[in-house]
Amino acid sequence: MCYFYVMFNVRKRTQHLPFDDRRNVMNSIVDMHFTQSLLDFERTRDREIANWRKQTHLVEFADYFEQQWLKGRYWRWQLYHNPEGYVLTNNPCENLHGGLKHFLQRRKHHMCRLLEKI
């Protein structure tokens, strides 16, 4: 599962929370994402989930996050699952699209001109 999809869904789920709580939740998830090993991830996860559970208005979100993104079907969104230097997206079309944008310098061309340029 793509990390950005996780963040998108978490952002939708936390819209009703105060700004500081949303920022803390997002920072916690970023910390979990950028861990370097399984042990480091487990320590960070346990610490952040415990912090969320201390705040009564975040208990429901902690349950959601744990069930959906840690124990559910989509659990491989952390960075340490991918070898260093490998692509971080699970969709090859996104890689191709990004390469084309880089090659064409993000300019829009007419289809004939585009095919000539490629």
PDB file of N, CA and C in Angstrom:
ATOM      1  N   MET A   1       0.845  -1.170   0.000  1.00  0.00           N
ATOM      2  CA  MET A   1       0.000   0.000   0.000  1.00  0.00           C
ATOM      3  C   MET A   1       0.890   1.232   0.000  1.00  0.00           C
ATOM      4  N   CYS A   2       0.482   2.225  -0.694  1.00  0.00           N
ATOM      5  CA  CYS A   2       1.243   3.458  -0.842  1.00  0.00           C
ATOM      6  C   CYS A   2       1.113   4.323   0.418  1.00  0.00           C
ATOM      7  N   TYR A   3       2.215   4.845   0.877  1.00  0.00           N
ATOM      8  CA  TYR A   3       2.254   5.706   2.059  1.00  0.00           C
ATOM      9  C   TYR A   3       1.345   6.923   1.888  1.00  0.00           C
ATOM     10  N   PHE A   4       1.323   7.477   0.692  1.00  0.00           N
ATOM     11  CA  PHE A   4       0.518   8.675   0.458  1.00  0.00           C
ATOM     12  C   PHE A   4      -0.972   8.363   0.545  1.00  0.00           C
ATOM     13  N   TYR A   5      -1.356   7.159   0.195  1.00  0.00           N
ATOM     14  CA  TYR A   5      -2.751   6.741   0.340  1.00  0.00           C
ATOM     15  C   TYR A   5      -3.107   6.622   1.824  1.00  0.00           C
ATOM     16  N   VAL A   6      -2.171   6.121   2.612  1.00  0.00           N
ATOM     17  CA  VAL A   6      -2.382   6.047   4.061  1.00  0.00           C
ATOM     18  C   VAL A   6      -2.595   7.454   4.612  1.00  0.00           C
ATOM     19  N   MET A   7      -1.716   8.380   4.245  1.00  0.00           N
ATOM     20  CA  MET A   7      -1.823   9.750   4.747  1.00  0.00           C
ATOM     21  C   MET A   7      -3.115  10.420   4.276  1.00  0.00           C
ATOM     22  N   PHE A   8      -3.518  10.167   3.046  1.00  0.00           N
ATOM     23  CA  PHE A   8      -4.757  10.736   2.521  1.00  0.00           C
ATOM     24  C   PHE A   8      -5.951  10.280   3.359  1.00  0.00           C
ATOM     25  N   ASN A   9      -6.023   8.992   3.641  1.00  0.00           N
ATOM     26  CA  ASN A   9      -7.143   8.462   4.418  1.00  0.00           C
ATOM     27  C   ASN A   9      -7.094   8.903   5.877  1.00  0.00           C
ATOM     28  N   VAL A  10      -5.912   8.998   6.431  1.00  0.00           N
ATOM     29  CA  VAL A  10      -5.794   9.488   7.807  1.00  0.00           C
ATOM     30  C   VAL A  10      -6.220  10.950   7.873  1.00  0.00           C
ATOM     31  N   ARG A  11      -5.838  11.728   6.890  1.00  0.00           N
ATOM     32  CA  ARG A  11      -6.238  13.140   6.859  1.00  0.00           C
ATOM     33  C   ARG A  11      -7.757  13.270   6.819  1.00  0.00           C
ATOM     34  N   LYS A  12      -8.415  12.412   6.037  1.00  0.00           N
ATOM     35  CA  LYS A  12      -9.883  12.438   5.993  1.00  0.00           C
ATOM     36  C   LYS A  12     -10.474  12.087   7.352  1.00  0.00           C
ATOM     37  N   ARG A  13      -9.859  11.124   8.048  1.00  0.00           N
ATOM     38  CA  ARG A  13     -10.389  10.658   9.331  1.00  0.00           C
ATOM     39  C   ARG A  13     -10.150  11.633  10.472  1.00  0.00           C
ATOM     40  N   THR A  14      -9.199  12.554  10.300  1.00  0.00           N
ATOM     41  CA  THR A  14      -8.852  13.455  11.400  1.00  0.00           C
ATOM     42  C   THR A  14      -9.316  14.886  11.166  1.00  0.00           C
ATOM     43  N   GLN A  15     -10.154  15.129  10.197  1.00  0.00           N
ATOM     44  CA  GLN A  15     -10.612  16.493   9.901  1.00  0.00           C
ATOM     45  C   GLN A  15     -11.334  17.136  11.077  1.00  0.00           C
ATOM     46  N   HIS A  16     -12.015  16.353  11.872  1.00  0.00           N
ATOM     47  CA  HIS A  16     -12.801  16.897  12.976  1.00  0.00           C
ATOM     48  C   HIS A  16     -11.955  17.221  14.209  1.00  0.00           C
ATOM     49  N   LEU A  17     -10.702  16.807  14.216  1.00  0.00           N
ATOM     50  CA  LEU A  17      -9.837  17.025  15.380  1.00  0.00           C
ATOM     51  C   LEU A  17      -9.239  18.431  15.362  1.00  0.00           C
ATOM     52  N   PRO A  18      -8.850  18.943  16.519  1.00  0.00           N
ATOM     53  CA  PRO A  18      -8.152  20.237  16.560  1.00  0.00           C
ATOM     54  C   PRO A  18      -6.832  20.160  15.788  1.00  0.00           C
ATOM     55  N   PHE A  19      -6.368  21.309  15.321  1.00  0.00           N
ATOM     56  CA  PHE A  19      -5.184  21.365  14.464  1.00  0.00           C
ATOM     57  C   PHE A  19      -3.961  20.718  15.120  1.00  0.00           C
ATOM     58  N   ASP A  20      -3.710  21.018  16.384  1.00  0.00           N
ATOM     59  CA  ASP A  20      -2.522  20.465  17.058  1.00  0.00           C
ATOM     60  C   ASP A  20      -2.571  18.945  17.141  1.00  0.00           C
ATOM     61  N   ASP A  21      -3.754  18.409  17.391  1.00  0.00           N
ATOM     62  CA  ASP A  21      -3.887  16.949  17.446  1.00  0.00           C
ATOM     63  C   ASP A  21      -3.681  16.322  16.073  1.00  0.00           C
ATOM     64  N   ARG A  22      -4.221  16.957  15.035  1.00  0.00           N
ATOM     65  CA  ARG A  22      -3.998  16.451  13.665  1.00  0.00           C
ATOM     66  C   ARG A  22      -2.521  16.462  13.329  1.00  0.00           C
ATOM     67  N   ARG A  23      -1.847  17.558  13.660  1.00  0.00           N
ATOM     68  CA  ARG A  23      -0.418  17.664  13.373  1.00  0.00           C
ATOM     69  C   ARG A  23       0.365  16.588  14.122  1.00  0.00           C
ATOM     70  N   ASN A  24       0.024  16.353  15.383  1.00  0.00           N
ATOM     71  CA  ASN A  24       0.709  15.318  16.163  1.00  0.00           C
ATOM     72  C   ASN A  24       0.479  13.931  15.577  1.00  0.00           C
ATOM     73  N   VAL A  25      -0.748  13.653  15.142  1.00  0.00           N
ATOM     74  CA  VAL A  25      -1.054  12.356  14.527  1.00  0.00           C
ATOM     75  C   VAL A  25      -0.248  12.185  13.245  1.00  0.00           C
ATOM     76  N   MET A  26      -0.241  13.204  12.396  1.00  0.00           N
ATOM     77  CA  MET A  26       0.506  13.122  11.135  1.00  0.00           C
ATOM     78  C   MET A  26       2.001  12.943  11.398  1.00  0.00           C
ATOM     79  N   ASN A  27       2.541  13.691  12.346  1.00  0.00           N
ATOM     80  CA  ASN A  27       3.970  13.550  12.670  1.00  0.00           C
ATOM     81  C   ASN A  27       4.283  12.157  13.201  1.00  0.00           C
ATOM     82  N   SER A  28       3.372  11.596  13.969  1.00  0.00           N
ATOM     83  CA  SER A  28       3.571  10.238  14.483  1.00  0.00           C
ATOM     84  C   SER A  28       3.621   9.226  13.348  1.00  0.00           C
ATOM     85  N   ILE A  29       2.725   9.388  12.378  1.00  0.00           N
ATOM     86  CA  ILE A  29       2.690   8.456  11.246  1.00  0.00           C
ATOM     87  C   ILE A  29       3.936   8.619  10.384  1.00  0.00           C
ATOM     88  N   VAL A  30       4.393   9.853  10.210  1.00  0.00           N
ATOM     89  CA  VAL A  30       5.633  10.084   9.464  1.00  0.00           C
ATOM     90  C   VAL A  30       6.798   9.405  10.186  1.00  0.00           C
ATOM     91  N   ASP A  31       6.839   9.526  11.506  1.00  0.00           N
ATOM     92  CA  ASP A  31       7.897   8.852  12.278  1.00  0.00           C
ATOM     93  C   ASP A  31       7.842   7.342  12.079  1.00  0.00           C
ATOM     94  N   MET A  32       6.638   6.775  12.070  1.00  0.00           N
ATOM     95  CA  MET A  32       6.499   5.332  11.840  1.00  0.00           C
ATOM     96  C   MET A  32       6.965   4.958  10.439  1.00  0.00           C
ATOM     97  N   HIS A  33       6.633   5.786   9.473  1.00  0.00           N
ATOM     98  CA  HIS A  33       6.968   5.482   8.080  1.00  0.00           C
ATOM     99  C   HIS A  33       8.481   5.457   7.852  1.00  0.00           C
ATOM    100  N   PHE A  34       9.196   6.395   8.454  1.00  0.00           N
ATOM    101  CA  PHE A  34      10.620   6.535   8.172  1.00  0.00           C
ATOM    102  C   PHE A  34      11.523   5.739   9.111  1.00  0.00           C
ATOM    103  N   THR A  35      10.981   4.766   9.819  1.00  0.00           N
ATOM    104  CA  THR A  35      11.835   3.907  10.643  1.00  0.00           C
ATOM    105  C   THR A  35      12.703   3.033   9.743  1.00  0.00           C
ATOM    106  N   GLN A  36      13.842   2.614  10.273  1.00  0.00           N
ATOM    107  CA  GLN A  36      14.821   1.879   9.472  1.00  0.00           C
ATOM    108  C   GLN A  36      14.740   0.366   9.612  1.00  0.00           C
ATOM    109  N   SER A  37      14.046  -0.110  10.641  1.00  0.00           N
ATOM    110  CA  SER A  37      13.985  -1.559  10.855  1.00  0.00           C
ATOM    111  C   SER A  37      12.667  -1.917  11.523  1.00  0.00           C
ATOM    112  N   LEU A  38      12.384  -3.201  11.563  1.00  0.00           N
ATOM    113  CA  LEU A  38      11.159  -3.677  12.205  1.00  0.00           C
ATOM    114  C   LEU A  38      11.164  -3.352  13.694  1.00  0.00           C
ATOM    115  N   LEU A  39      12.295  -3.541  14.350  1.00  0.00           N
ATOM    116  CA  LEU A  39      12.386  -3.252  15.782  1.00  0.00           C
ATOM    117  C   LEU A  39      12.139  -1.768  16.056  1.00  0.00           C
ATOM    118  N   ASP A  40      12.759  -0.921  15.262  1.00  0.00           N
ATOM    119  CA  ASP A  40      12.564   0.522  15.396  1.00  0.00           C
ATOM    120  C   ASP A  40      11.099   0.892  15.147  1.00  0.00           C
ATOM    121  N   PHE A  41      10.494   0.271  14.140  1.00  0.00           N
ATOM    122  CA  PHE A  41       9.083   0.537  13.855  1.00  0.00           C
ATOM    123  C   PHE A  41       8.196   0.119  15.017  1.00  0.00           C
ATOM    124  N   GLU A  42       8.441  -1.064  15.573  1.00  0.00           N
ATOM    125  CA  GLU A  42       7.604  -1.549  16.682  1.00  0.00           C
ATOM    126  C   GLU A  42       7.706  -0.644  17.901  1.00  0.00           C
ATOM    127  N   ARG A  43       8.900  -0.158  18.191  1.00  0.00           N
ATOM    128  CA  ARG A  43       9.063   0.778  19.313  1.00  0.00           C
ATOM    129  C   ARG A  43       8.296   2.075  19.057  1.00  0.00           C
ATOM    130  N   THR A  44       8.462   2.614  17.863  1.00  0.00           N
ATOM    131  CA  THR A  44       7.780   3.864  17.515  1.00  0.00           C
ATOM    132  C   THR A  44       6.276   3.668  17.520  1.00  0.00           C
ATOM    133  N   ARG A  45       5.809   2.585  16.932  1.00  0.00           N
ATOM    134  CA  ARG A  45       4.374   2.295  16.889  1.00  0.00           C
ATOM    135  C   ARG A  45       3.786   2.206  18.291  1.00  0.00           C
ATOM    136  N   ASP A  46       4.420   1.433  19.148  1.00  0.00           N
ATOM    137  CA  ASP A  46       3.903   1.259  20.509  1.00  0.00           C
ATOM    138  C   ASP A  46       3.871   2.583  21.268  1.00  0.00           C
ATOM    139  N   ARG A  47       4.920   3.376  21.107  1.00  0.00           N
ATOM    140  CA  ARG A  47       4.984   4.671  21.794  1.00  0.00           C
ATOM    141  C   ARG A  47       3.879   5.611  21.309  1.00  0.00           C
ATOM    142  N   GLU A  48       3.696   5.693  19.983  1.00  0.00           N
ATOM    143  CA  GLU A  48       2.709   6.627  19.434  1.00  0.00           C
ATOM    144  C   GLU A  48       1.279   6.177  19.713  1.00  0.00           C
ATOM    145  N   ILE A  49       1.006   4.893  19.585  1.00  0.00           N
ATOM    146  CA  ILE A  49      -0.345   4.388  19.887  1.00  0.00           C
ATOM    147  C   ILE A  49      -0.669   4.637  21.360  1.00  0.00           C
ATOM    148  N   ALA A  50       0.309   4.426  22.242  1.00  0.00           N
ATOM    149  CA  ALA A  50       0.087   4.687  23.673  1.00  0.00           C
ATOM    150  C   ALA A  50      -0.195   6.168  23.918  1.00  0.00           C
ATOM    151  N   ASN A  51       0.535   7.042  23.218  1.00  0.00           N
ATOM    152  CA  ASN A  51       0.277   8.486  23.357  1.00  0.00           C
ATOM    153  C   ASN A  51      -1.122   8.845  22.876  1.00  0.00           C
ATOM    154  N   TRP A  52      -1.553   8.236  21.780  1.00  0.00           N
ATOM    155  CA  TRP A  52      -2.905   8.516  21.275  1.00  0.00           C
ATOM    156  C   TRP A  52      -3.958   8.036  22.264  1.00  0.00           C
ATOM    157  N   ARG A  53      -3.732   6.898  22.858  1.00  0.00           N
ATOM    158  CA  ARG A  53      -4.727   6.332  23.783  1.00  0.00           C
ATOM    159  C   ARG A  53      -4.822   7.116  25.094  1.00  0.00           C
ATOM    160  N   LYS A  54      -3.808   7.896  25.422  1.00  0.00           N
ATOM    161  CA  LYS A  54      -3.864   8.736  26.622  1.00  0.00           C
ATOM    162  C   LYS A  54      -4.865   9.880  26.464  1.00  0.00           C
ATOM    163  N   GLN A  55      -5.104  10.289  25.225  1.00  0.00           N
ATOM    164  CA  GLN A  55      -6.039  11.385  24.958  1.00  0.00           C
ATOM    165  C   GLN A  55      -7.387  10.776  24.588  1.00  0.00           C
ATOM    166  N   THR A  56      -8.409  11.109  25.330  1.00  0.00           N
ATOM    167  CA  THR A  56      -9.708  10.443  25.164  1.00  0.00           C
ATOM    168  C   THR A  56     -10.295  10.634  23.770  1.00  0.00           C
ATOM    169  N   HIS A  57     -10.075  11.789  23.158  1.00  0.00           N
ATOM    170  CA  HIS A  57     -10.661  12.022  21.835  1.00  0.00           C
ATOM    171  C   HIS A  57      -9.871  11.358  20.708  1.00  0.00           C
ATOM    172  N   LEU A  58      -8.717  10.761  21.010  1.00  0.00           N
ATOM    173  CA  LEU A  58      -7.939  10.047  19.990  1.00  0.00           C
ATOM    174  C   LEU A  58      -8.029   8.525  20.123  1.00  0.00           C
ATOM    175  N   VAL A  59      -8.746   8.040  21.116  1.00  0.00           N
ATOM    176  CA  VAL A  59      -8.845   6.589  21.326  1.00  0.00           C
ATOM    177  C   VAL A  59      -9.518   5.918  20.132  1.00  0.00           C
ATOM    178  N   GLU A  60     -10.595   6.509  19.643  1.00  0.00           N
ATOM    179  CA  GLU A  60     -11.299   5.933  18.489  1.00  0.00           C
ATOM    180  C   GLU A  60     -10.401   5.917  17.254  1.00  0.00           C
ATOM    181  N   PHE A  61      -9.643   6.996  17.048  1.00  0.00           N
ATOM    182  CA  PHE A  61      -8.722   7.030  15.914  1.00  0.00           C
ATOM    183  C   PHE A  61      -7.621   5.985  16.081  1.00  0.00           C
ATOM    184  N   ALA A  62      -7.121   5.813  17.291  1.00  0.00           N
ATOM    185  CA  ALA A  62      -6.076   4.811  17.541  1.00  0.00           C
ATOM    186  C   ALA A  62      -6.585   3.415  17.191  1.00  0.00           C
ATOM    187  N   ASP A  63      -7.837   3.123  17.553  1.00  0.00           N
ATOM    188  CA  ASP A  63      -8.429   1.827  17.196  1.00  0.00           C
ATOM    189  C   ASP A  63      -8.523   1.669  15.682  1.00  0.00           C
ATOM    190  N   TYR A  64      -9.001   2.718  15.009  1.00  0.00           N
ATOM    191  CA  TYR A  64      -9.111   2.690  13.539  1.00  0.00           C
ATOM    192  C   TYR A  64      -7.744   2.458  12.906  1.00  0.00           C
ATOM    193  N   PHE A  65      -6.743   3.226  13.317  1.00  0.00           N
ATOM    194  CA  PHE A  65      -5.426   3.139  12.705  1.00  0.00           C
ATOM    195  C   PHE A  65      -4.813   1.764  12.922  1.00  0.00           C
ATOM    196  N   GLU A  66      -4.975   1.259  14.116  1.00  0.00           N
ATOM    197  CA  GLU A  66      -4.408  -0.057  14.424  1.00  0.00           C
ATOM    198  C   GLU A  66      -5.074  -1.154  13.596  1.00  0.00           C
ATOM    199  N   GLN A  67      -6.384  -1.125  13.496  1.00  0.00           N
ATOM    200  CA  GLN A  67      -7.104  -2.158  12.745  1.00  0.00           C
ATOM    201  C   GLN A  67      -6.885  -2.029  11.240  1.00  0.00           C
ATOM    202  N   GLN A  68      -6.924  -0.812  10.721  1.00  0.00           N
ATOM    203  CA  GLN A  68      -6.864  -0.605   9.273  1.00  0.00           C
ATOM    204  C   GLN A  68      -5.443  -0.638   8.725  1.00  0.00           C
ATOM    205  N   TRP A  69      -4.515   0.053   9.387  1.00  0.00           N
ATOM    206  CA  TRP A  69      -3.199   0.266   8.799  1.00  0.00           C
ATOM    207  C   TRP A  69      -2.080  -0.527   9.454  1.00  0.00           C
ATOM    208  N   LEU A  70      -2.333  -1.151  10.587  1.00  0.00           N
ATOM    209  CA  LEU A  70      -1.279  -1.942  11.228  1.00  0.00           C
ATOM    210  C   LEU A  70      -1.578  -3.431  11.227  1.00  0.00           C
ATOM    211  N   LYS A  71      -2.840  -3.799  11.406  1.00  0.00           N
ATOM    212  CA  LYS A  71      -3.205  -5.215  11.451  1.00  0.00           C
ATOM    213  C   LYS A  71      -4.034  -5.638  10.250  1.00  0.00           C
ATOM    214  N   GLY A  72      -4.523  -4.699   9.500  1.00  0.00           N
ATOM    215  CA  GLY A  72      -5.420  -5.003   8.393  1.00  0.00           C
ATOM    216  C   GLY A  72      -4.697  -5.511   7.165  1.00  0.00           C
ATOM    217  N   ARG A  73      -5.397  -5.448   6.068  1.00  0.00           N
ATOM    218  CA  ARG A  73      -4.899  -5.949   4.796  1.00  0.00           C
ATOM    219  C   ARG A  73      -3.733  -5.117   4.255  1.00  0.00           C
ATOM    220  N   TYR A  74      -3.718  -3.836   4.588  1.00  0.00           N
ATOM    221  CA  TYR A  74      -2.702  -2.913   4.067  1.00  0.00           C
ATOM    222  C   TYR A  74      -1.730  -2.556   5.182  1.00  0.00           C
ATOM    223  N   TRP A  75      -0.694  -3.321   5.320  1.00  0.00           N
ATOM    224  CA  TRP A  75       0.223  -3.097   6.426  1.00  0.00           C
ATOM    225  C   TRP A  75       1.656  -2.849   5.976  1.00  0.00           C
ATOM    226  N   ARG A  76       1.958  -2.910   4.682  1.00  0.00           N
ATOM    227  CA  ARG A  76       3.341  -2.758   4.216  1.00  0.00           C
ATOM    228  C   ARG A  76       3.627  -1.354   3.685  1.00  0.00           C
ATOM    229  N   TRP A  77       3.174  -0.324   4.353  1.00  0.00           N
ATOM    230  CA  TRP A  77       3.373   1.040   3.882  1.00  0.00           C
ATOM    231  C   TRP A  77       4.613   1.693   4.482  1.00  0.00           C
ATOM    232  N   GLN A  78       5.297   1.009   5.391  1.00  0.00           N
ATOM    233  CA  GLN A  78       6.470   1.597   6.026  1.00  0.00           C
ATOM    234  C   GLN A  78       7.676   1.491   5.099  1.00  0.00           C
ATOM    235  N   LEU A  79       8.582   2.417   5.243  1.00  0.00           N
ATOM    236  CA  LEU A  79       9.730   2.519   4.353  1.00  0.00           C
ATOM    237  C   LEU A  79      10.689   1.341   4.477  1.00  0.00           C
ATOM    238  N   TYR A  80      10.835   0.752   5.655  1.00  0.00           N
ATOM    239  CA  TYR A  80      11.830  -0.309   5.833  1.00  0.00           C
ATOM    240  C   TYR A  80      11.484  -1.581   5.061  1.00  0.00           C
ATOM    241  N   HIS A  81      10.272  -1.705   4.532  1.00  0.00           N
ATOM    242  CA  HIS A  81       9.908  -2.888   3.744  1.00  0.00           C
ATOM    243  C   HIS A  81      10.568  -2.882   2.363  1.00  0.00           C
ATOM    244  N   ASN A  82      10.970  -1.718   1.874  1.00  0.00           N
ATOM    245  CA  ASN A  82      11.567  -1.603   0.543  1.00  0.00           C
ATOM    246  C   ASN A  82      13.082  -1.504   0.659  1.00  0.00           C
ATOM    247  N   PRO A  83      13.811  -2.262  -0.147  1.00  0.00           N
ATOM    248  CA  PRO A  83      15.270  -2.135  -0.137  1.00  0.00           C
ATOM    249  C   PRO A  83      15.684  -0.727  -0.561  1.00  0.00           C
ATOM    250  N   GLU A  84      16.812  -0.283  -0.056  1.00  0.00           N
ATOM    251  CA  GLU A  84      17.284   1.057  -0.358  1.00  0.00           C
ATOM    252  C   GLU A  84      17.513   1.219  -1.858  1.00  0.00           C
ATOM    253  N   GLY A  85      17.028   2.311  -2.405  1.00  0.00           N
ATOM    254  CA  GLY A  85      17.183   2.595  -3.824  1.00  0.00           C
ATOM    255  C   GLY A  85      16.069   2.052  -4.697  1.00  0.00           C
ATOM    256  N   TYR A  86      15.157   1.285  -4.148  1.00  0.00           N
ATOM    257  CA  TYR A  86      14.041   0.740  -4.922  1.00  0.00           C
ATOM    258  C   TYR A  86      12.892   1.731  -4.982  1.00  0.00           C
ATOM    259  N   VAL A  87      12.022   1.509  -5.918  1.00  0.00           N
ATOM    260  CA  VAL A  87      10.860   2.359  -6.111  1.00  0.00           C
ATOM    261  C   VAL A  87       9.914   2.206  -4.925  1.00  0.00           C
ATOM    262  N   LEU A  88       9.309   3.317  -4.510  1.00  0.00           N
ATOM    263  CA  LEU A  88       8.428   3.294  -3.352  1.00  0.00           C
ATOM    264  C   LEU A  88       6.955   3.172  -3.716  1.00  0.00           C
ATOM    265  N   THR A  89       6.625   3.199  -4.971  1.00  0.00           N
ATOM    266  CA  THR A  89       5.227   3.076  -5.370  1.00  0.00           C
ATOM    267  C   THR A  89       4.943   1.647  -5.804  1.00  0.00           C
ATOM    268  N   ASN A  90       3.703   1.243  -5.697  1.00  0.00           N
ATOM    269  CA  ASN A  90       3.343  -0.112  -6.095  1.00  0.00           C
ATOM    270  C   ASN A  90       2.715  -0.138  -7.484  1.00  0.00           C
ATOM    271  N   ASN A  91       2.741   0.971  -8.186  1.00  0.00           N
ATOM    272  CA  ASN A  91       2.111   1.059  -9.487  1.00  0.00           C
ATOM    273  C   ASN A  91       3.148   1.483 -10.532  1.00  0.00           C
ATOM    274  N   PRO A  92       3.530   0.602 -11.460  1.00  0.00           N
ATOM    275  CA  PRO A  92       4.530   0.955 -12.474  1.00  0.00           C
ATOM    276  C   PRO A  92       4.093   2.107 -13.370  1.00  0.00           C
ATOM    277  N   CYS A  93       2.799   2.292 -13.541  1.00  0.00           N
ATOM    278  CA  CYS A  93       2.315   3.407 -14.369  1.00  0.00           C
ATOM    279  C   CYS A  93       2.698   4.748 -13.759  1.00  0.00           C
ATOM    280  N   GLU A  94       2.700   4.834 -12.434  1.00  0.00           N
ATOM    281  CA  GLU A  94       3.098   6.076 -11.778  1.00  0.00           C
ATOM    282  C   GLU A  94       4.567   6.380 -12.066  1.00  0.00           C
ATOM    283  N   ASN A  95       5.408   5.349 -12.108  1.00  0.00           N
ATOM    284  CA  ASN A  95       6.821   5.553 -12.422  1.00  0.00           C
ATOM    285  C   ASN A  95       6.995   6.055 -13.846  1.00  0.00           C
ATOM    286  N   LEU A  96       6.279   5.450 -14.785  1.00  0.00           N
ATOM    287  CA  LEU A  96       6.359   5.873 -16.178  1.00  0.00           C
ATOM    288  C   LEU A  96       5.883   7.310 -16.326  1.00  0.00           C
ATOM    289  N   HIS A  97       4.774   7.632 -15.700  1.00  0.00           N
ATOM    290  CA  HIS A  97       4.218   8.979 -15.775  1.00  0.00           C
ATOM    291  C   HIS A  97       5.205   9.997 -15.197  1.00  0.00           C
ATOM    292  N   GLY A  98       5.823   9.666 -14.069  1.00  0.00           N
ATOM    293  CA  GLY A  98       6.812  10.558 -13.468  1.00  0.00           C
ATOM    294  C   GLY A  98       8.030  10.736 -14.363  1.00  0.00           C
ATOM    295  N   GLY A  99       8.473   9.657 -15.004  1.00  0.00           N
ATOM    296  CA  GLY A  99       9.605   9.752 -15.924  1.00  0.00           C
ATOM    297  C   GLY A  99       9.295  10.614 -17.132  1.00  0.00           C
ATOM    298  N   LEU A 100       8.091  10.465 -17.673  1.00  0.00           N
ATOM    299  CA  LEU A 100       7.690  11.301 -18.809  1.00  0.00           C
ATOM    300  C   LEU A 100       7.615  12.770 -18.416  1.00  0.00           C
ATOM    301  N   LYS A 101       7.058  13.054 -17.266  1.00  0.00           N
ATOM    302  CA  LYS A 101       6.977  14.443 -16.809  1.00  0.00           C
ATOM    303  C   LYS A 101       8.374  15.045 -16.659  1.00  0.00           C
ATOM    304  N   HIS A 102       9.291  14.255 -16.119  1.00  0.00           N
ATOM    305  CA  HIS A 102      10.655  14.745 -15.953  1.00  0.00           C
ATOM    306  C   HIS A 102      11.313  14.980 -17.313  1.00  0.00           C
ATOM    307  N   PHE A 103      11.144  14.036 -18.239  1.00  0.00           N
ATOM    308  CA  PHE A 103      11.747  14.139 -19.562  1.00  0.00           C
ATOM    309  C   PHE A 103      11.181  15.320 -20.346  1.00  0.00           C
ATOM    310  N   LEU A 104       9.869  15.524 -20.256  1.00  0.00           N
ATOM    311  CA  LEU A 104       9.217  16.596 -21.012  1.00  0.00           C
ATOM    312  C   LEU A 104       9.199  17.915 -20.250  1.00  0.00           C
ATOM    313  N   GLN A 105       9.847  17.949 -19.110  1.00  0.00           N
ATOM    314  CA  GLN A 105       9.949  19.143 -18.270  1.00  0.00           C
ATOM    315  C   GLN A 105       8.583  19.712 -17.914  1.00  0.00           C
ATOM    316  N   ARG A 106       7.624  18.831 -17.705  1.00  0.00           N
ATOM    317  CA  ARG A 106       6.262  19.168 -17.271  1.00  0.00           C
ATOM    318  C   ARG A 106       5.530  20.104 -18.228  1.00  0.00           C
ATOM    319  N   ARG A 107       5.899  20.057 -19.490  1.00  0.00           N
ATOM    320  CA  ARG A 107       5.193  20.853 -20.505  1.00  0.00           C
ATOM    321  C   ARG A 107       4.174  19.983 -21.213  1.00  0.00           C
ATOM    322  N   LYS A 108       3.080  20.601 -21.636  1.00  0.00           N
ATOM    323  CA  LYS A 108       2.067  19.873 -22.396  1.00  0.00           C
ATOM    324  C   LYS A 108       2.340  20.091 -23.883  1.00  0.00           C
ATOM    325  N   HIS A 109       2.411  18.989 -24.628  1.00  0.00           N
ATOM    326  CA  HIS A 109       2.670  19.049 -26.062  1.00  0.00           C
ATOM    327  C   HIS A 109       1.491  18.448 -26.812  1.00  0.00           C
ATOM    328  N   HIS A 110       1.345  18.848 -28.066  1.00  0.00           N
ATOM    329  CA  HIS A 110       0.376  18.209 -28.944  1.00  0.00           C
ATOM    330  C   HIS A 110       0.838  16.767 -29.158  1.00  0.00           C
ATOM    331  N   MET A 111      -0.088  15.861 -29.400  1.00  0.00           N
ATOM    332  CA  MET A 111       0.240  14.434 -29.464  1.00  0.00           C
ATOM    333  C   MET A 111       1.314  14.136 -30.517  1.00  0.00           C
ATOM    334  N   CYS A 112       1.228  14.735 -31.706  1.00  0.00           N
ATOM    335  CA  CYS A 112       2.241  14.487 -32.748  1.00  0.00           C
ATOM    336  C   CYS A 112       3.616  14.954 -32.278  1.00  0.00           C
ATOM    337  N   ARG A 113       3.663  16.123 -31.692  1.00  0.00           N
ATOM    338  CA  ARG A 113       4.930  16.666 -31.194  1.00  0.00           C
ATOM    339  C   ARG A 113       5.472  15.797 -30.049  1.00  0.00           C
ATOM    340  N   LEU A 114       4.586  15.318 -29.217  1.00  0.00           N
ATOM    341  CA  LEU A 114       4.981  14.458 -28.108  1.00  0.00           C
ATOM    342  C   LEU A 114       5.635  13.179 -28.621  1.00  0.00           C
ATOM    343  N   LEU A 115       5.015  12.542 -29.622  1.00  0.00           N
ATOM    344  CA  LEU A 115       5.568  11.303 -30.173  1.00  0.00           C
ATOM    345  C   LEU A 115       6.904  11.545 -30.862  1.00  0.00           C
ATOM    346  N   GLU A 116       7.063  12.706 -31.507  1.00  0.00           N
ATOM    347  CA  GLU A 116       8.348  13.033 -32.128  1.00  0.00           C
ATOM    348  C   GLU A 116       9.434  13.208 -31.065  1.00  0.00           C
ATOM    349  N   LYS A 117       9.058  13.830 -29.980  1.00  0.00           N
ATOM    350  CA  LYS A 117      10.023  14.125 -28.924  1.00  0.00           C
ATOM    351  C   LYS A 117      10.486  12.856 -28.209  1.00  0.00           C
ATOM    352  N   ILE A 118       9.569  11.901 -28.072  1.00  0.00           N
ATOM    353  CA  ILE A 118       9.911  10.656 -27.386  1.00  0.00           C
ATOM    354  C   ILE A 118      10.742   9.802 -28.317  1.00  0.00           C
TER     355      ILE A 118
END
